[in-house]
């Protein structure tokens, strides 16, 4: 039979692990956000906004997996 102290120790360990996992997720989110913001800036700086608007009209962001589409494109087009 476990006592309350052992249960508390397990809970504290789980909390530490969860906080570490959360910090990694937050860091990954910030990296991805900065990459996307950099791409948005590139689009604006290079006067590509109208081209992006045209792309959005003909592509379905909600039902497409653009991560997979990007990987497939790279595989097919990189030498």
PDB file of N, CA and C in Angstrom:
ATOM      1  N   UNK A   1       0.838  -1.187   0.000  1.00  0.00           N
ATOM      2  CA  UNK A   1       0.000   0.000   0.000  1.00  0.00           C
ATOM      3  C   UNK A   1       0.878   1.243   0.000  1.00  0.00           C
ATOM      4  N   UNK A   2       0.548   2.202  -0.844  1.00  0.00           N
ATOM      5  CA  UNK A   2       1.326   3.431  -0.900  1.00  0.00           C
ATOM      6  C   UNK A   2       0.724   4.459   0.045  1.00  0.00           C
ATOM      7  N   UNK A   3       1.613   5.272   0.560  1.00  0.00           N
ATOM      8  CA  UNK A   3       1.116   6.317   1.450  1.00  0.00           C
ATOM      9  C   UNK A   3       1.041   7.647   0.700  1.00  0.00           C
ATOM     10  N   UNK A   4       0.498   8.629   1.318  1.00  0.00           N
ATOM     11  CA  UNK A   4       0.279   9.920   0.679  1.00  0.00           C
ATOM     12  C   UNK A   4       1.590  10.561   0.240  1.00  0.00           C
ATOM     13  N   UNK A   5       2.651  10.370   1.018  1.00  0.00           N
ATOM     14  CA  UNK A   5       3.946  10.949   0.655  1.00  0.00           C
ATOM     15  C   UNK A   5       4.443  10.389  -0.677  1.00  0.00           C
ATOM     16  N   UNK A   6       4.299   9.088  -0.877  1.00  0.00           N
ATOM     17  CA  UNK A   6       4.731   8.467  -2.134  1.00  0.00           C
ATOM     18  C   UNK A   6       3.883   8.959  -3.304  1.00  0.00           C
ATOM     19  N   UNK A   7       2.594   9.071  -3.073  1.00  0.00           N
ATOM     20  CA  UNK A   7       1.702   9.584  -4.109  1.00  0.00           C
ATOM     21  C   UNK A   7       2.101  11.008  -4.481  1.00  0.00           C
ATOM     22  N   UNK A   8       2.378  11.837  -3.484  1.00  0.00           N
ATOM     23  CA  UNK A   8       2.781  13.216  -3.726  1.00  0.00           C
ATOM     24  C   UNK A   8       4.095  13.289  -4.493  1.00  0.00           C
ATOM     25  N   UNK A   9       5.032  12.413  -4.166  1.00  0.00           N
ATOM     26  CA  UNK A   9       6.316  12.394  -4.874  1.00  0.00           C
ATOM     27  C   UNK A   9       6.125  12.043  -6.354  1.00  0.00           C
ATOM     28  N   UNK A  10       5.255  11.083  -6.612  1.00  0.00           N
ATOM     29  CA  UNK A  10       4.958  10.710  -7.996  1.00  0.00           C
ATOM     30  C   UNK A  10       4.309  11.881  -8.721  1.00  0.00           C
ATOM     31  N   UNK A  11       3.378  12.539  -8.077  1.00  0.00           N
ATOM     32  CA  UNK A  11       2.702  13.682  -8.689  1.00  0.00           C
ATOM     33  C   UNK A  11       3.662  14.829  -8.977  1.00  0.00           C
ATOM     34  N   UNK A  12       4.581  15.088  -8.063  1.00  0.00           N
ATOM     35  CA  UNK A  12       5.563  16.150  -8.273  1.00  0.00           C
ATOM     36  C   UNK A  12       6.464  15.801  -9.459  1.00  0.00           C
ATOM     37  N   UNK A  13       6.876  14.538  -9.564  1.00  0.00           N
ATOM     38  CA  UNK A  13       7.705  14.112 -10.691  1.00  0.00           C
ATOM     39  C   UNK A  13       6.940  14.268 -12.018  1.00  0.00           C
ATOM     40  N   UNK A  14       5.678  13.872 -12.026  1.00  0.00           N
ATOM     41  CA  UNK A  14       4.856  14.034 -13.225  1.00  0.00           C
ATOM     42  C   UNK A  14       4.700  15.508 -13.585  1.00  0.00           C
ATOM     43  N   UNK A  15       4.556  16.356 -12.586  1.00  0.00           N
ATOM     44  CA  UNK A  15       4.446  17.799 -12.828  1.00  0.00           C
ATOM     45  C   UNK A  15       5.723  18.332 -13.460  1.00  0.00           C
ATOM     46  N   UNK A  16       6.883  17.918 -12.945  1.00  0.00           N
ATOM     47  CA  UNK A  16       8.163  18.349 -13.518  1.00  0.00           C
ATOM     48  C   UNK A  16       8.263  17.932 -14.984  1.00  0.00           C
ATOM     49  N   UNK A  17       7.899  16.694 -15.279  1.00  0.00           N
ATOM     50  CA  UNK A  17       7.970  16.188 -16.648  1.00  0.00           C
ATOM     51  C   UNK A  17       7.007  16.938 -17.562  1.00  0.00           C
ATOM     52  N   UNK A  18       5.825  17.227 -17.059  1.00  0.00           N
ATOM     53  CA  UNK A  18       4.828  17.950 -17.843  1.00  0.00           C
ATOM     54  C   UNK A  18       5.285  19.376 -18.125  1.00  0.00           C
ATOM     55  N   UNK A  19       5.874  20.019 -17.115  1.00  0.00           N
ATOM     56  CA  UNK A  19       6.371  21.384 -17.310  1.00  0.00           C
ATOM     57  C   UNK A  19       7.511  21.409 -18.321  1.00  0.00           C
ATOM     58  N   UNK A  20       8.373  20.402 -18.295  1.00  0.00           N
ATOM     59  CA  UNK A  20       9.463  20.317 -19.269  1.00  0.00           C
ATOM     60  C   UNK A  20       8.906  20.126 -20.675  1.00  0.00           C
ATOM     61  N   UNK A  21       7.921  19.242 -20.816  1.00  0.00           N
ATOM     62  CA  UNK A  21       7.304  19.005 -22.122  1.00  0.00           C
ATOM     63  C   UNK A  21       6.612  20.268 -22.624  1.00  0.00           C
ATOM     64  N   UNK A  22       5.934  20.975 -21.745  1.00  0.00           N
ATOM     65  CA  UNK A  22       5.265  22.219 -22.116  1.00  0.00           C
ATOM     66  C   UNK A  22       6.274  23.259 -22.590  1.00  0.00           C
ATOM     67  N   UNK A  23       7.386  23.380 -21.889  1.00  0.00           N
ATOM     68  CA  UNK A  23       8.417  24.347 -22.284  1.00  0.00           C
ATOM     69  C   UNK A  23       8.956  24.017 -23.676  1.00  0.00           C
ATOM     70  N   UNK A  24       9.140  22.737 -23.978  1.00  0.00           N
ATOM     71  CA  UNK A  24       9.605  22.333 -25.306  1.00  0.00           C
ATOM     72  C   UNK A  24       8.569  22.683 -26.368  1.00  0.00           C
ATOM     73  N   UNK A  25       7.295  22.462 -26.060  1.00  0.00           N
ATOM     74  CA  UNK A  25       6.219  22.811 -27.005  1.00  0.00           C
ATOM     75  C   UNK A  25       6.177  24.320 -27.237  1.00  0.00           C
ATOM     76  N   UNK A  26       6.320  25.084 -26.174  1.00  0.00           N
ATOM     77  CA  UNK A  26       6.302  26.535 -26.307  1.00  0.00           C
ATOM     78  C   UNK A  26       7.481  27.022 -27.143  1.00  0.00           C
ATOM     79  N   UNK A  27       8.649  26.427 -26.935  1.00  0.00           N
ATOM     80  CA  UNK A  27       9.827  26.803 -27.709  1.00  0.00           C
ATOM     81  C   UNK A  27       9.623  26.461 -29.184  1.00  0.00           C
ATOM     82  N   UNK A  28       9.098  25.286 -29.460  1.00  0.00           N
ATOM     83  CA  UNK A  28       8.833  24.883 -30.848  1.00  0.00           C
ATOM     84  C   UNK A  28       7.820  25.813 -31.494  1.00  0.00           C
ATOM     85  N   UNK A  29       6.794  26.191 -30.748  1.00  0.00           N
ATOM     86  CA  UNK A  29       5.788  27.117 -31.252  1.00  0.00           C
ATOM     87  C   UNK A  29       6.422  28.455 -31.621  1.00  0.00           C
ATOM     88  N   UNK A  30       7.276  28.977 -30.763  1.00  0.00           N
ATOM     89  CA  UNK A  30       7.926  30.265 -31.027  1.00  0.00           C
ATOM     90  C   UNK A  30       8.817  30.184 -32.262  1.00  0.00           C
ATOM     91  N   UNK A  31       9.531  29.087 -32.418  1.00  0.00           N
ATOM     92  CA  UNK A  31      10.384  28.915 -33.601  1.00  0.00           C
ATOM     93  C   UNK A  31       9.524  28.913 -34.861  1.00  0.00           C
ATOM     94  N   UNK A  32       8.450  28.127 -34.848  1.00  0.00           N
ATOM     95  CA  UNK A  32       7.575  28.055 -36.017  1.00  0.00           C
ATOM     96  C   UNK A  32       6.925  29.403 -36.296  1.00  0.00           C
ATOM     97  N   UNK A  33       6.488  30.088 -35.252  1.00  0.00           N
ATOM     98  CA  UNK A  33       5.866  31.404 -35.416  1.00  0.00           C
ATOM     99  C   UNK A  33       6.851  32.381 -36.047  1.00  0.00           C
ATOM    100  N   UNK A  34       8.101  32.370 -35.594  1.00  0.00           N
ATOM    101  CA  UNK A  34       9.105  33.279 -36.147  1.00  0.00           C
ATOM    102  C   UNK A  34       9.412  32.958 -37.605  1.00  0.00           C
ATOM    103  N   UNK A  35       9.430  31.683 -37.947  1.00  0.00           N
ATOM    104  CA  UNK A  35       9.651  31.296 -39.339  1.00  0.00           C
ATOM    105  C   UNK A  35       8.508  31.813 -40.204  1.00  0.00           C
ATOM    106  N   UNK A  36       7.287  31.595 -39.774  1.00  0.00           N
ATOM    107  CA  UNK A  36       6.132  32.060 -40.545  1.00  0.00           C
ATOM    108  C   UNK A  36       6.113  33.581 -40.649  1.00  0.00           C
ATOM    109  N   UNK A  37       6.430  34.272 -39.569  1.00  0.00           N
ATOM    110  CA  UNK A  37       6.470  35.735 -39.626  1.00  0.00           C
ATOM    111  C   UNK A  37       7.551  36.205 -40.590  1.00  0.00           C
ATOM    112  N   UNK A  38       8.682  35.497 -40.618  1.00  0.00           N
ATOM    113  CA  UNK A  38       9.739  35.823 -41.575  1.00  0.00           C
ATOM    114  C   UNK A  38       9.267  35.641 -43.005  1.00  0.00           C
ATOM    115  N   UNK A  39       8.501  34.578 -43.241  1.00  0.00           N
ATOM    116  CA  UNK A  39       7.965  34.348 -44.585  1.00  0.00           C
ATOM    117  C   UNK A  39       6.936  35.405 -44.959  1.00  0.00           C
ATOM    118  N   UNK A  40       6.093  35.802 -44.014  1.00  0.00           N
ATOM    119  CA  UNK A  40       5.127  36.867 -44.287  1.00  0.00           C
ATOM    120  C   UNK A  40       5.859  38.171 -44.630  1.00  0.00           C
ATOM    121  N   UNK A  41       6.913  38.455 -43.900  1.00  0.00           N
ATOM    122  CA  UNK A  41       7.692  39.662 -44.181  1.00  0.00           C
ATOM    123  C   UNK A  41       8.324  39.576 -45.572  1.00  0.00           C
ATOM    124  N   UNK A  42       8.849  38.412 -45.926  1.00  0.00           N
ATOM    125  CA  UNK A  42       9.413  38.202 -47.257  1.00  0.00           C
ATOM    126  C   UNK A  42       8.364  38.472 -48.331  1.00  0.00           C
ATOM    127  N   UNK A  43       7.151  37.974 -48.111  1.00  0.00           N
ATOM    128  CA  UNK A  43       6.061  38.192 -49.065  1.00  0.00           C
ATOM    129  C   UNK A  43       5.769  39.682 -49.209  1.00  0.00           C
ATOM    130  N   UNK A  44       5.679  40.382 -48.098  1.00  0.00           N
ATOM    131  CA  UNK A  44       5.385  41.816 -48.136  1.00  0.00           C
ATOM    132  C   UNK A  44       6.527  42.600 -48.766  1.00  0.00           C
ATOM    133  N   UNK A  45       7.746  42.291 -48.364  1.00  0.00           N
ATOM    134  CA  UNK A  45       8.916  43.033 -48.834  1.00  0.00           C
ATOM    135  C   UNK A  45       9.137  42.852 -50.330  1.00  0.00           C
ATOM    136  N   UNK A  46       8.783  41.709 -50.852  1.00  0.00           N
ATOM    137  CA  UNK A  46       9.009  41.410 -52.260  1.00  0.00           C
ATOM    138  C   UNK A  46       7.755  41.593 -53.111  1.00  0.00           C
ATOM    139  N   UNK A  47       6.801  42.326 -52.557  1.00  0.00           N
ATOM    140  CA  UNK A  47       5.572  42.676 -53.276  1.00  0.00           C
ATOM    141  C   UNK A  47       4.859  41.449 -53.853  1.00  0.00           C
ATOM    142  N   UNK A  48       4.731  40.414 -53.020  1.00  0.00           N
ATOM    143  CA  UNK A  48       4.106  39.159 -53.443  1.00  0.00           C
ATOM    144  C   UNK A  48       2.705  38.977 -52.847  1.00  0.00           C
ATOM    145  N   UNK A  49       2.177  40.015 -52.221  1.00  0.00           N
ATOM    146  CA  UNK A  49       0.892  39.892 -51.541  1.00  0.00           C
ATOM    147  C   UNK A  49      -0.232  39.532 -52.512  1.00  0.00           C
ATOM    148  N   UNK A  50      -0.264  40.138 -53.674  1.00  0.00           N
ATOM    149  CA  UNK A  50      -1.317  39.808 -54.642  1.00  0.00           C
ATOM    150  C   UNK A  50      -1.195  38.361 -55.122  1.00  0.00           C
ATOM    151  N   UNK A  51       0.021  37.898 -55.295  1.00  0.00           N
ATOM    152  CA  UNK A  51       0.228  36.507 -55.686  1.00  0.00           C
ATOM    153  C   UNK A  51      -0.270  35.566 -54.585  1.00  0.00           C
ATOM    154  N   UNK A  52      -0.032  35.924 -53.334  1.00  0.00           N
ATOM    155  CA  UNK A  52      -0.527  35.121 -52.210  1.00  0.00           C
ATOM    156  C   UNK A  52      -2.060  35.125 -52.189  1.00  0.00           C
ATOM    157  N   UNK A  53      -2.663  36.263 -52.450  1.00  0.00           N
ATOM    158  CA  UNK A  53      -4.127  36.335 -52.488  1.00  0.00           C
ATOM    159  C   UNK A  53      -4.697  35.410 -53.564  1.00  0.00           C
ATOM    160  N   UNK A  54      -4.063  35.397 -54.726  1.00  0.00           N
ATOM    161  CA  UNK A  54      -4.510  34.509 -55.802  1.00  0.00           C
ATOM    162  C   UNK A  54      -4.355  33.049 -55.392  1.00  0.00           C
ATOM    163  N   UNK A  55      -3.257  32.730 -54.749  1.00  0.00           N
ATOM    164  CA  UNK A  55      -3.015  31.370 -54.287  1.00  0.00           C
ATOM    165  C   UNK A  55      -4.092  30.943 -53.293  1.00  0.00           C
ATOM    166  N   UNK A  56      -4.436  31.838 -52.372  1.00  0.00           N
ATOM    167  CA  UNK A  56      -5.449  31.514 -51.357  1.00  0.00           C
ATOM    168  C   UNK A  56      -6.809  31.258 -51.975  1.00  0.00           C
ATOM    169  N   UNK A  57      -7.122  31.933 -53.058  1.00  0.00           N
ATOM    170  CA  UNK A  57      -8.429  31.749 -53.711  1.00  0.00           C
ATOM    171  C   UNK A  57      -8.558  30.367 -54.337  1.00  0.00           C
ATOM    172  N   UNK A  58      -7.454  29.784 -54.732  1.00  0.00           N
ATOM    173  CA  UNK A  58      -7.502  28.508 -55.446  1.00  0.00           C
ATOM    174  C   UNK A  58      -7.042  27.326 -54.599  1.00  0.00           C
ATOM    175  N   UNK A  59      -6.736  27.553 -53.321  1.00  0.00           N
ATOM    176  CA  UNK A  59      -6.264  26.469 -52.455  1.00  0.00           C
ATOM    177  C   UNK A  59      -7.053  26.461 -51.160  1.00  0.00           C
ATOM    178  N   UNK A  60      -7.317  25.276 -50.664  1.00  0.00           N
ATOM    179  CA  UNK A  60      -8.145  25.085 -49.477  1.00  0.00           C
ATOM    180  C   UNK A  60      -7.259  24.831 -48.255  1.00  0.00           C
ATOM    181  N   UNK A  61      -7.047  25.870 -47.458  1.00  0.00           N
ATOM    182  CA  UNK A  61      -6.182  25.753 -46.284  1.00  0.00           C
ATOM    183  C   UNK A  61      -6.763  24.853 -45.195  1.00  0.00           C
ATOM    184  N   UNK A  62      -8.065  24.754 -45.136  1.00  0.00           N
ATOM    185  CA  UNK A  62      -8.704  23.992 -44.064  1.00  0.00           C
ATOM    186  C   UNK A  62      -8.659  22.488 -44.297  1.00  0.00           C
ATOM    187  N   UNK A  63      -8.654  22.072 -45.560  1.00  0.00           N
ATOM    188  CA  UNK A  63      -8.760  20.645 -45.856  1.00  0.00           C
ATOM    189  C   UNK A  63      -7.515  20.052 -46.494  1.00  0.00           C
ATOM    190  N   UNK A  64      -6.467  20.823 -46.616  1.00  0.00           N
ATOM    191  CA  UNK A  64      -5.217  20.338 -47.192  1.00  0.00           C
ATOM    192  C   UNK A  64      -4.148  20.267 -46.112  1.00  0.00           C
ATOM    193  N   UNK A  65      -3.288  19.279 -46.229  1.00  0.00           N
ATOM    194  CA  UNK A  65      -2.139  19.169 -45.326  1.00  0.00           C
ATOM    195  C   UNK A  65      -0.934  19.743 -46.070  1.00  0.00           C
ATOM    196  N   UNK A  66      -0.671  21.026 -45.852  1.00  0.00           N
ATOM    197  CA  UNK A  66       0.396  21.693 -46.583  1.00  0.00           C
ATOM    198  C   UNK A  66       1.780  21.272 -46.107  1.00  0.00           C
ATOM    199  N   UNK A  67       1.885  20.683 -44.963  1.00  0.00           N
ATOM    200  CA  UNK A  67       3.166  20.116 -44.540  1.00  0.00           C
ATOM    201  C   UNK A  67       3.525  18.961 -45.465  1.00  0.00           C
ATOM    202  N   UNK A  68       2.583  18.055 -45.681  1.00  0.00           N
ATOM    203  CA  UNK A  68       2.805  16.917 -46.577  1.00  0.00           C
ATOM    204  C   UNK A  68       2.999  17.410 -48.011  1.00  0.00           C
ATOM    205  N   UNK A  69       2.161  18.340 -48.453  1.00  0.00           N
ATOM    206  CA  UNK A  69       2.293  18.870 -49.821  1.00  0.00           C
ATOM    207  C   UNK A  69       3.664  19.505 -50.034  1.00  0.00           C
ATOM    208  N   UNK A  70       4.160  20.213 -49.042  1.00  0.00           N
ATOM    209  CA  UNK A  70       5.482  20.842 -49.154  1.00  0.00           C
ATOM    210  C   UNK A  70       6.580  19.794 -49.254  1.00  0.00           C
ATOM    211  N   UNK A  71       6.486  18.761 -48.419  1.00  0.00           N
ATOM    212  CA  UNK A  71       7.487  17.696 -48.473  1.00  0.00           C
ATOM    213  C   UNK A  71       7.463  16.984 -49.818  1.00  0.00           C
ATOM    214  N   UNK A  72       6.272  16.695 -50.312  1.00  0.00           N
ATOM    215  CA  UNK A  72       6.149  16.044 -51.625  1.00  0.00           C
ATOM    216  C   UNK A  72       6.746  16.921 -52.724  1.00  0.00           C
ATOM    217  N   UNK A  73       6.466  18.213 -52.668  1.00  0.00           N
ATOM    218  CA  UNK A  73       7.011  19.149 -53.661  1.00  0.00           C
ATOM    219  C   UNK A  73       8.531  19.153 -53.618  1.00  0.00           C
ATOM    220  N   UNK A  74       9.085  19.220 -52.406  1.00  0.00           N
ATOM    221  CA  UNK A  74      10.549  19.230 -52.274  1.00  0.00           C
ATOM    222  C   UNK A  74      11.172  17.952 -52.798  1.00  0.00           C
ATOM    223  N   UNK A  75      10.562  16.818 -52.496  1.00  0.00           N
ATOM    224  CA  UNK A  75      11.075  15.533 -52.970  1.00  0.00           C
ATOM    225  C   UNK A  75      11.097  15.495 -54.492  1.00  0.00           C
ATOM    226  N   UNK A  76      10.028  15.981 -55.099  1.00  0.00           N
ATOM    227  CA  UNK A  76       9.913  15.934 -56.555  1.00  0.00           C
ATOM    228  C   UNK A  76      10.820  16.949 -57.266  1.00  0.00           C
ATOM    229  N   UNK A  77      11.111  18.076 -56.623  1.00  0.00           N
ATOM    230  CA  UNK A  77      11.773  19.163 -57.331  1.00  0.00           C
ATOM    231  C   UNK A  77      13.217  19.463 -56.914  1.00  0.00           C
ATOM    232  N   UNK A  78      13.701  18.826 -55.877  1.00  0.00           N
ATOM    233  CA  UNK A  78      15.089  19.048 -55.495  1.00  0.00           C
ATOM    234  C   UNK A  78      15.984  18.069 -56.231  1.00  0.00           C
ATOM    235  N   UNK A  79      17.092  18.571 -56.689  1.00  0.00           N
ATOM    236  CA  UNK A  79      18.026  17.711 -57.426  1.00  0.00           C
ATOM    237  C   UNK A  79      18.889  16.921 -56.469  1.00  0.00           C
TER     238      UNK A  79
END
